[in-house]
């Protein structure tokens, strides 16, 4: 049973509790209001401590990415690019690697492809400033924007896994064949990966696949397919938050 002090605290923040009626006895003395306030302050302090620990973890991760020498890409990059967005977000969008403009500015998806990605995300109510985090599999730009090498992905993937642990997203959106194949450890073509829910990592985070915006700039006829992917991802997210996602396109 809940202690009297705990019951009083929960009632003070507006949580109603059902308690079985006990035989009539002498009324017990309730803790003074100061005790309840002290317990509330303790809970608030604990929450603040958790937030501070998360901030410290993000800063440590950023520092490690900027100083990373785990693969040869550090010799040709301008800087490591961790990601952009709120530090807790339900949505995580993942591309393959920074391009030239991203490498220069230190933020993923900031060129023409980034502008298209932002427009795509806005269409389903997402914004990198408020409710979606955007990152890449690789944190360093490959020379001439070539495809990532397996050893580069192996070196960088632990950073992404730590990001996922800090973000705790409800859904991941992999944009492009390279990102999808590396995240899912498959060589299946993009067409076979679209239209279904995959799962990634220790947390088995639901993952949906769509086209890379750079591809859509070259092949605008496929924008309609990408829109279907986004609507599908949105419906999966809505079902997940209601606890009814079955992973199949309706």
C-alpha atoms as a PDB file:
ATOM      1  CA  UNK A   1       0.000   0.000   0.000  1.00  0.00           C
ATOM      2  CA  UNK A   2       1.062   3.565  -0.591  1.00  0.00           C
ATOM      3  CA  UNK A   3       2.337   5.452   2.401  1.00  0.00           C
ATOM      4  CA  UNK A   4       0.238   8.316   3.729  1.00  0.00           C
ATOM      5  CA  UNK A   5       2.941  10.737   2.685  1.00  0.00           C
ATOM      6  CA  UNK A   6       3.033   9.357  -0.885  1.00  0.00           C
ATOM      7  CA  UNK A   7      -0.764   9.464  -1.137  1.00  0.00           C
ATOM      8  CA  UNK A   8      -0.822  13.034   0.047  1.00  0.00           C
ATOM      9  CA  UNK A   9       1.858  14.027  -2.485  1.00  0.00           C
ATOM     10  CA  UNK A  10       0.027  12.364  -5.393  1.00  0.00           C
ATOM     11  CA  UNK A  11      -3.220  14.023  -4.376  1.00  0.00           C
ATOM     12  CA  UNK A  12      -1.435  17.368  -4.189  1.00  0.00           C
ATOM     13  CA  UNK A  13      -0.452  17.137  -7.890  1.00  0.00           C
ATOM     14  CA  UNK A  14      -3.954  16.093  -8.921  1.00  0.00           C
ATOM     15  CA  UNK A  15      -3.745  12.290  -9.114  1.00  0.00           C
ATOM     16  CA  UNK A  16      -6.827  10.619  -7.673  1.00  0.00           C
ATOM     17  CA  UNK A  17      -6.337   7.278  -5.991  1.00  0.00           C
ATOM     18  CA  UNK A  18      -8.847   4.573  -5.133  1.00  0.00           C
ATOM     19  CA  UNK A  19      -8.208   3.176  -1.683  1.00  0.00           C
ATOM     20  CA  UNK A  20     -10.134   0.324  -0.104  1.00  0.00           C
ATOM     21  CA  UNK A  21     -12.134   1.446   2.913  1.00  0.00           C
ATOM     22  CA  UNK A  22     -10.558   0.238   6.130  1.00  0.00           C
ATOM     23  CA  UNK A  23     -12.356  -0.417   9.398  1.00  0.00           C
ATOM     24  CA  UNK A  24     -13.053   2.704  11.403  1.00  0.00           C
ATOM     25  CA  UNK A  25     -10.074   3.621  13.559  1.00  0.00           C
ATOM     26  CA  UNK A  26      -8.685   6.656  15.136  1.00  0.00           C
ATOM     27  CA  UNK A  27      -7.600   9.021  12.318  1.00  0.00           C
ATOM     28  CA  UNK A  28      -3.884   8.857  11.708  1.00  0.00           C
ATOM     29  CA  UNK A  29      -1.890  12.030  11.811  1.00  0.00           C
ATOM     30  CA  UNK A  30      -0.973  13.240   8.328  1.00  0.00           C
ATOM     31  CA  UNK A  31       2.520  14.510   7.707  1.00  0.00           C
ATOM     32  CA  UNK A  32       2.775  18.256   7.878  1.00  0.00           C
ATOM     33  CA  UNK A  33       2.527  20.144   4.557  1.00  0.00           C
ATOM     34  CA  UNK A  34       6.224  20.912   4.774  1.00  0.00           C
ATOM     35  CA  UNK A  35       6.997  17.186   4.456  1.00  0.00           C
ATOM     36  CA  UNK A  36       4.932  16.907   1.274  1.00  0.00           C
ATOM     37  CA  UNK A  37       6.649  19.958  -0.175  1.00  0.00           C
ATOM     38  CA  UNK A  38      10.029  18.478   0.673  1.00  0.00           C
ATOM     39  CA  UNK A  39       9.161  15.250  -1.129  1.00  0.00           C
ATOM     40  CA  UNK A  40       7.954  17.177  -4.188  1.00  0.00           C
ATOM     41  CA  UNK A  41      11.180  19.158  -4.169  1.00  0.00           C
ATOM     42  CA  UNK A  42      13.148  15.908  -4.002  1.00  0.00           C
ATOM     43  CA  UNK A  43      11.336  14.541  -7.062  1.00  0.00           C
ATOM     44  CA  UNK A  44      11.961  17.792  -8.958  1.00  0.00           C
ATOM     45  CA  UNK A  45      15.629  17.732  -8.001  1.00  0.00           C
ATOM     46  CA  UNK A  46      15.968  14.166  -9.236  1.00  0.00           C
ATOM     47  CA  UNK A  47      14.391  15.129 -12.579  1.00  0.00           C
ATOM     48  CA  UNK A  48      16.764  18.072 -12.882  1.00  0.00           C
ATOM     49  CA  UNK A  49      19.708  15.778 -12.142  1.00  0.00           C
ATOM     50  CA  UNK A  50      18.645  13.370 -14.902  1.00  0.00           C
ATOM     51  CA  UNK A  51      18.389  16.278 -17.363  1.00  0.00           C
ATOM     52  CA  UNK A  52      21.819  17.527 -16.353  1.00  0.00           C
ATOM     53  CA  UNK A  53      23.305  14.055 -16.824  1.00  0.00           C
ATOM     54  CA  UNK A  54      21.772  13.898 -20.320  1.00  0.00           C
ATOM     55  CA  UNK A  55      23.249  17.282 -21.213  1.00  0.00           C
ATOM     56  CA  UNK A  56      26.642  16.093 -20.030  1.00  0.00           C
ATOM     57  CA  UNK A  57      26.327  12.908 -22.088  1.00  0.00           C
ATOM     58  CA  UNK A  58      25.424  14.881 -25.224  1.00  0.00           C
ATOM     59  CA  UNK A  59      28.371  17.205 -24.763  1.00  0.00           C
ATOM     60  CA  UNK A  60      30.733  14.293 -24.233  1.00  0.00           C
ATOM     61  CA  UNK A  61      29.418  12.613 -27.393  1.00  0.00           C
ATOM     62  CA  UNK A  62      29.811  15.831 -29.402  1.00  0.00           C
ATOM     63  CA  UNK A  63      33.378  16.277 -28.161  1.00  0.00           C
ATOM     64  CA  UNK A  64      34.246  12.684 -29.083  1.00  0.00           C
ATOM     65  CA  UNK A  65      32.818  13.018 -32.599  1.00  0.00           C
ATOM     66  CA  UNK A  66      34.719  16.247 -33.206  1.00  0.00           C
ATOM     67  CA  UNK A  67      37.963  14.657 -32.027  1.00  0.00           C
ATOM     68  CA  UNK A  68      37.362  11.225 -33.589  1.00  0.00           C
ATOM     69  CA  UNK A  69      40.318   9.507 -35.281  1.00  0.00           C
ATOM     70  CA  UNK A  70      38.834   6.025 -35.563  1.00  0.00           C
ATOM     71  CA  UNK A  71      38.946   5.941 -39.374  1.00  0.00           C
ATOM     72  CA  UNK A  72      40.966   7.757 -42.063  1.00  0.00           C
ATOM     73  CA  UNK A  73      38.109  10.176 -42.842  1.00  0.00           C
ATOM     74  CA  UNK A  74      39.325  12.491 -40.080  1.00  0.00           C
ATOM     75  CA  UNK A  75      42.238  13.456 -42.336  1.00  0.00           C
ATOM     76  CA  UNK A  76      40.011  14.843 -45.111  1.00  0.00           C
ATOM     77  CA  UNK A  77      36.982  16.200 -43.258  1.00  0.00           C
ATOM     78  CA  UNK A  78      36.545  19.748 -42.006  1.00  0.00           C
ATOM     79  CA  UNK A  79      34.727  18.651 -38.857  1.00  0.00           C
ATOM     80  CA  UNK A  80      32.676  15.832 -37.384  1.00  0.00           C
ATOM     81  CA  UNK A  81      28.917  16.348 -37.788  1.00  0.00           C
ATOM     82  CA  UNK A  82      26.883  14.890 -34.920  1.00  0.00           C
ATOM     83  CA  UNK A  83      23.329  15.944 -35.749  1.00  0.00           C
ATOM     84  CA  UNK A  84      20.688  18.620 -35.276  1.00  0.00           C
ATOM     85  CA  UNK A  85      17.411  18.858 -33.387  1.00  0.00           C
ATOM     86  CA  UNK A  86      15.985  18.635 -29.873  1.00  0.00           C
ATOM     87  CA  UNK A  87      17.821  16.327 -27.500  1.00  0.00           C
ATOM     88  CA  UNK A  88      14.690  14.257 -26.863  1.00  0.00           C
ATOM     89  CA  UNK A  89      12.553  13.577 -29.924  1.00  0.00           C
ATOM     90  CA  UNK A  90      10.046  10.942 -31.001  1.00  0.00           C
ATOM     91  CA  UNK A  91      11.368  11.037 -34.577  1.00  0.00           C
ATOM     92  CA  UNK A  92      14.921  10.330 -35.750  1.00  0.00           C
ATOM     93  CA  UNK A  93      15.825  10.834 -39.427  1.00  0.00           C
ATOM     94  CA  UNK A  94      19.059   9.227 -40.620  1.00  0.00           C
ATOM     95  CA  UNK A  95      20.978   9.776 -43.836  1.00  0.00           C
ATOM     96  CA  UNK A  96      24.238   8.257 -44.995  1.00  0.00           C
ATOM     97  CA  UNK A  97      26.973  10.877 -44.434  1.00  0.00           C
ATOM     98  CA  UNK A  98      27.657  14.621 -44.469  1.00  0.00           C
ATOM     99  CA  UNK A  99      28.131  16.291 -47.853  1.00  0.00           C
ATOM    100  CA  UNK A 100      30.369  19.230 -48.672  1.00  0.00           C
ATOM    101  CA  UNK A 101      28.039  21.886 -47.264  1.00  0.00           C
ATOM    102  CA  UNK A 102      27.285  19.826 -44.160  1.00  0.00           C
ATOM    103  CA  UNK A 103      30.997  19.306 -43.594  1.00  0.00           C
ATOM    104  CA  UNK A 104      31.560  23.055 -43.860  1.00  0.00           C
ATOM    105  CA  UNK A 105      28.676  24.109 -41.594  1.00  0.00           C
ATOM    106  CA  UNK A 106      28.663  21.224 -39.121  1.00  0.00           C
ATOM    107  CA  UNK A 107      24.968  20.398 -39.563  1.00  0.00           C
ATOM    108  CA  UNK A 108      23.360  17.551 -41.562  1.00  0.00           C
ATOM    109  CA  UNK A 109      21.108  18.181 -44.545  1.00  0.00           C
ATOM    110  CA  UNK A 110      21.653  21.904 -45.112  1.00  0.00           C
ATOM    111  CA  UNK A 111      22.051  22.063 -48.914  1.00  0.00           C
ATOM    112  CA  UNK A 112      19.367  21.718 -51.579  1.00  0.00           C
ATOM    113  CA  UNK A 113      18.646  18.167 -50.402  1.00  0.00           C
ATOM    114  CA  UNK A 114      18.264  19.484 -46.867  1.00  0.00           C
ATOM    115  CA  UNK A 115      15.746  22.072 -47.990  1.00  0.00           C
ATOM    116  CA  UNK A 116      13.708  19.366 -49.680  1.00  0.00           C
ATOM    117  CA  UNK A 117      13.964  17.163 -46.590  1.00  0.00           C
ATOM    118  CA  UNK A 118      12.701  20.022 -44.415  1.00  0.00           C
ATOM    119  CA  UNK A 119       9.733  20.502 -46.763  1.00  0.00           C
ATOM    120  CA  UNK A 120       8.986  16.769 -46.663  1.00  0.00           C
ATOM    121  CA  UNK A 121       9.095  16.723 -42.871  1.00  0.00           C
ATOM    122  CA  UNK A 122       6.939  19.841 -42.544  1.00  0.00           C
ATOM    123  CA  UNK A 123       4.289  18.076 -44.622  1.00  0.00           C
ATOM    124  CA  UNK A 124       3.827  15.588 -41.768  1.00  0.00           C
ATOM    125  CA  UNK A 125       4.174  18.142 -38.986  1.00  0.00           C
ATOM    126  CA  UNK A 126       7.878  17.792 -38.235  1.00  0.00           C
ATOM    127  CA  UNK A 127      10.555  20.468 -37.825  1.00  0.00           C
ATOM    128  CA  UNK A 128      14.247  19.999 -37.035  1.00  0.00           C
ATOM    129  CA  UNK A 129      14.045  22.854 -34.522  1.00  0.00           C
ATOM    130  CA  UNK A 130      11.258  21.361 -32.413  1.00  0.00           C
ATOM    131  CA  UNK A 131      10.289  17.705 -32.808  1.00  0.00           C
ATOM    132  CA  UNK A 132      12.655  15.699 -35.031  1.00  0.00           C
ATOM    133  CA  UNK A 133      16.361  14.932 -34.745  1.00  0.00           C
ATOM    134  CA  UNK A 134      18.418  14.525 -37.929  1.00  0.00           C
ATOM    135  CA  UNK A 135      21.708  12.636 -38.123  1.00  0.00           C
ATOM    136  CA  UNK A 136      23.817  10.481 -40.438  1.00  0.00           C
ATOM    137  CA  UNK A 137      25.311   7.015 -40.213  1.00  0.00           C
ATOM    138  CA  UNK A 138      28.763   8.536 -40.777  1.00  0.00           C
ATOM    139  CA  UNK A 139      29.792  11.632 -38.871  1.00  0.00           C
ATOM    140  CA  UNK A 140      32.620  12.533 -41.286  1.00  0.00           C
ATOM    141  CA  UNK A 141      32.340  13.348 -44.982  1.00  0.00           C
ATOM    142  CA  UNK A 142      33.775  10.743 -47.377  1.00  0.00           C
ATOM    143  CA  UNK A 143      35.965  12.294 -50.095  1.00  0.00           C
ATOM    144  CA  UNK A 144      33.983  13.280 -53.206  1.00  0.00           C
ATOM    145  CA  UNK A 145      30.815  12.081 -51.454  1.00  0.00           C
ATOM    146  CA  UNK A 146      31.614   8.448 -52.246  1.00  0.00           C
ATOM    147  CA  UNK A 147      29.674   5.654 -50.537  1.00  0.00           C
ATOM    148  CA  UNK A 148      30.778   4.826 -46.978  1.00  0.00           C
ATOM    149  CA  UNK A 149      33.147   1.896 -46.604  1.00  0.00           C
ATOM    150  CA  UNK A 150      32.186  -0.954 -44.241  1.00  0.00           C
ATOM    151  CA  UNK A 151      35.051  -0.159 -41.858  1.00  0.00           C
ATOM    152  CA  UNK A 152      33.924   3.476 -41.693  1.00  0.00           C
ATOM    153  CA  UNK A 153      30.380   2.446 -40.822  1.00  0.00           C
ATOM    154  CA  UNK A 154      31.730   0.046 -38.196  1.00  0.00           C
ATOM    155  CA  UNK A 155      33.738   2.850 -36.605  1.00  0.00           C
ATOM    156  CA  UNK A 156      30.874   5.356 -36.617  1.00  0.00           C
ATOM    157  CA  UNK A 157      27.883   3.203 -35.736  1.00  0.00           C
ATOM    158  CA  UNK A 158      28.544   3.248 -31.956  1.00  0.00           C
ATOM    159  CA  UNK A 159      28.104   7.018 -32.022  1.00  0.00           C
ATOM    160  CA  UNK A 160      24.680   6.636 -33.612  1.00  0.00           C
ATOM    161  CA  UNK A 161      23.712   3.957 -31.107  1.00  0.00           C
ATOM    162  CA  UNK A 162      24.609   6.323 -28.270  1.00  0.00           C
ATOM    163  CA  UNK A 163      22.523   9.041 -29.921  1.00  0.00           C
ATOM    164  CA  UNK A 164      19.556   6.687 -30.055  1.00  0.00           C
ATOM    165  CA  UNK A 165      20.029   5.837 -26.376  1.00  0.00           C
ATOM    166  CA  UNK A 166      19.938   9.535 -25.462  1.00  0.00           C
ATOM    167  CA  UNK A 167      17.103  10.476 -27.812  1.00  0.00           C
ATOM    168  CA  UNK A 168      14.915   7.424 -27.160  1.00  0.00           C
ATOM    169  CA  UNK A 169      12.968   7.965 -30.412  1.00  0.00           C
ATOM    170  CA  UNK A 170       9.711   6.179 -31.034  1.00  0.00           C
ATOM    171  CA  UNK A 171      10.403   5.834 -34.765  1.00  0.00           C
ATOM    172  CA  UNK A 172      13.355   6.124 -37.156  1.00  0.00           C
ATOM    173  CA  UNK A 173      13.178   7.211 -40.797  1.00  0.00           C
ATOM    174  CA  UNK A 174      16.097   6.043 -42.945  1.00  0.00           C
ATOM    175  CA  UNK A 175      16.470   8.198 -46.050  1.00  0.00           C
ATOM    176  CA  UNK A 176      18.232   6.567 -48.965  1.00  0.00           C
ATOM    177  CA  UNK A 177      19.538   3.149 -49.918  1.00  0.00           C
ATOM    178  CA  UNK A 178      22.956   3.569 -48.309  1.00  0.00           C
ATOM    179  CA  UNK A 179      21.580   4.521 -44.895  1.00  0.00           C
ATOM    180  CA  UNK A 180      18.906   1.828 -44.978  1.00  0.00           C
ATOM    181  CA  UNK A 181      21.243  -0.964 -46.038  1.00  0.00           C
ATOM    182  CA  UNK A 182      23.851  -0.084 -43.430  1.00  0.00           C
ATOM    183  CA  UNK A 183      21.341   0.259 -40.605  1.00  0.00           C
ATOM    184  CA  UNK A 184      19.599  -2.992 -41.500  1.00  0.00           C
ATOM    185  CA  UNK A 185      22.765  -4.913 -42.488  1.00  0.00           C
ATOM    186  CA  UNK A 186      21.296  -5.955 -45.818  1.00  0.00           C
ATOM    187  CA  UNK A 187      22.003  -5.559 -49.510  1.00  0.00           C
ATOM    188  CA  UNK A 188      18.313  -5.618 -50.440  1.00  0.00           C
ATOM    189  CA  UNK A 189      17.310  -2.874 -52.891  1.00  0.00           C
ATOM    190  CA  UNK A 190      15.428   0.151 -51.614  1.00  0.00           C
ATOM    191  CA  UNK A 191      12.224  -0.923 -53.311  1.00  0.00           C
ATOM    192  CA  UNK A 192      12.104  -4.076 -51.185  1.00  0.00           C
ATOM    193  CA  UNK A 193      12.806  -2.170 -47.966  1.00  0.00           C
ATOM    194  CA  UNK A 194      10.050   0.429 -48.387  1.00  0.00           C
ATOM    195  CA  UNK A 195       6.479  -0.057 -47.210  1.00  0.00           C
ATOM    196  CA  UNK A 196       7.151  -2.081 -44.063  1.00  0.00           C
ATOM    197  CA  UNK A 197       8.404  -1.611 -40.518  1.00  0.00           C
ATOM    198  CA  UNK A 198      11.911  -2.792 -39.702  1.00  0.00           C
ATOM    199  CA  UNK A 199      13.543  -2.632 -36.268  1.00  0.00           C
ATOM    200  CA  UNK A 200      16.956  -1.371 -35.268  1.00  0.00           C
ATOM    201  CA  UNK A 201      19.313  -2.001 -32.396  1.00  0.00           C
ATOM    202  CA  UNK A 202      19.002  -3.005 -28.778  1.00  0.00           C
ATOM    203  CA  UNK A 203      15.821  -0.995 -28.320  1.00  0.00           C
ATOM    204  CA  UNK A 204      14.266  -2.547 -31.445  1.00  0.00           C
ATOM    205  CA  UNK A 205      13.263   0.931 -32.564  1.00  0.00           C
ATOM    206  CA  UNK A 206      10.753   0.816 -35.447  1.00  0.00           C
ATOM    207  CA  UNK A 207      12.379   1.968 -38.688  1.00  0.00           C
ATOM    208  CA  UNK A 208      10.760   3.009 -41.977  1.00  0.00           C
ATOM    209  CA  UNK A 209      12.680   3.497 -45.232  1.00  0.00           C
ATOM    210  CA  UNK A 210      12.218   6.136 -47.935  1.00  0.00           C
ATOM    211  CA  UNK A 211      14.155   7.849 -50.709  1.00  0.00           C
ATOM    212  CA  UNK A 212      17.051  10.218 -50.112  1.00  0.00           C
ATOM    213  CA  UNK A 213      16.054  13.814 -50.940  1.00  0.00           C
ATOM    214  CA  UNK A 214      19.119  14.164 -53.211  1.00  0.00           C
ATOM    215  CA  UNK A 215      17.761  11.284 -55.283  1.00  0.00           C
ATOM    216  CA  UNK A 216      14.359  12.975 -55.405  1.00  0.00           C
ATOM    217  CA  UNK A 217      15.970  16.147 -56.745  1.00  0.00           C
ATOM    218  CA  UNK A 218      17.385  14.063 -59.608  1.00  0.00           C
ATOM    219  CA  UNK A 219      14.225  11.964 -60.019  1.00  0.00           C
ATOM    220  CA  UNK A 220      11.232  14.167 -59.143  1.00  0.00           C
ATOM    221  CA  UNK A 221       8.800  11.591 -60.538  1.00  0.00           C
ATOM    222  CA  UNK A 222       9.421   9.523 -57.398  1.00  0.00           C
ATOM    223  CA  UNK A 223       8.368  12.301 -55.021  1.00  0.00           C
ATOM    224  CA  UNK A 224       4.864  10.825 -54.967  1.00  0.00           C
ATOM    225  CA  UNK A 225       6.300   7.514 -53.731  1.00  0.00           C
ATOM    226  CA  UNK A 226       8.259   9.371 -51.048  1.00  0.00           C
ATOM    227  CA  UNK A 227       5.063  11.102 -49.952  1.00  0.00           C
ATOM    228  CA  UNK A 228       3.409   7.695 -49.586  1.00  0.00           C
ATOM    229  CA  UNK A 229       6.375   6.599 -47.442  1.00  0.00           C
ATOM    230  CA  UNK A 230       6.013   9.663 -45.220  1.00  0.00           C
ATOM    231  CA  UNK A 231       2.298   9.114 -44.765  1.00  0.00           C
ATOM    232  CA  UNK A 232       3.008   5.503 -43.938  1.00  0.00           C
ATOM    233  CA  UNK A 233       5.650   6.470 -41.362  1.00  0.00           C
ATOM    234  CA  UNK A 234       3.230   8.968 -39.823  1.00  0.00           C
ATOM    235  CA  UNK A 235       0.514   6.318 -39.564  1.00  0.00           C
ATOM    236  CA  UNK A 236       2.969   3.867 -37.976  1.00  0.00           C
ATOM    237  CA  UNK A 237       3.965   6.516 -35.445  1.00  0.00           C
ATOM    238  CA  UNK A 238       0.330   7.267 -34.644  1.00  0.00           C
ATOM    239  CA  UNK A 239      -0.379   3.573 -34.176  1.00  0.00           C
ATOM    240  CA  UNK A 240       2.729   3.139 -32.027  1.00  0.00           C
ATOM    241  CA  UNK A 241       1.681   5.941 -29.715  1.00  0.00           C
ATOM    242  CA  UNK A 242      -1.701   4.246 -29.416  1.00  0.00           C
ATOM    243  CA  UNK A 243      -0.094   0.834 -28.901  1.00  0.00           C
ATOM    244  CA  UNK A 244      -1.647  -0.741 -31.991  1.00  0.00           C
ATOM    245  CA  UNK A 245       1.062  -0.684 -34.677  1.00  0.00           C
ATOM    246  CA  UNK A 246       1.132  -3.904 -36.712  1.00  0.00           C
ATOM    247  CA  UNK A 247       3.923  -2.900 -39.094  1.00  0.00           C
ATOM    248  CA  UNK A 248       1.950  -3.273 -42.333  1.00  0.00           C
ATOM    249  CA  UNK A 249       0.836  -0.648 -44.824  1.00  0.00           C
ATOM    250  CA  UNK A 250      -2.957  -0.256 -44.821  1.00  0.00           C
END
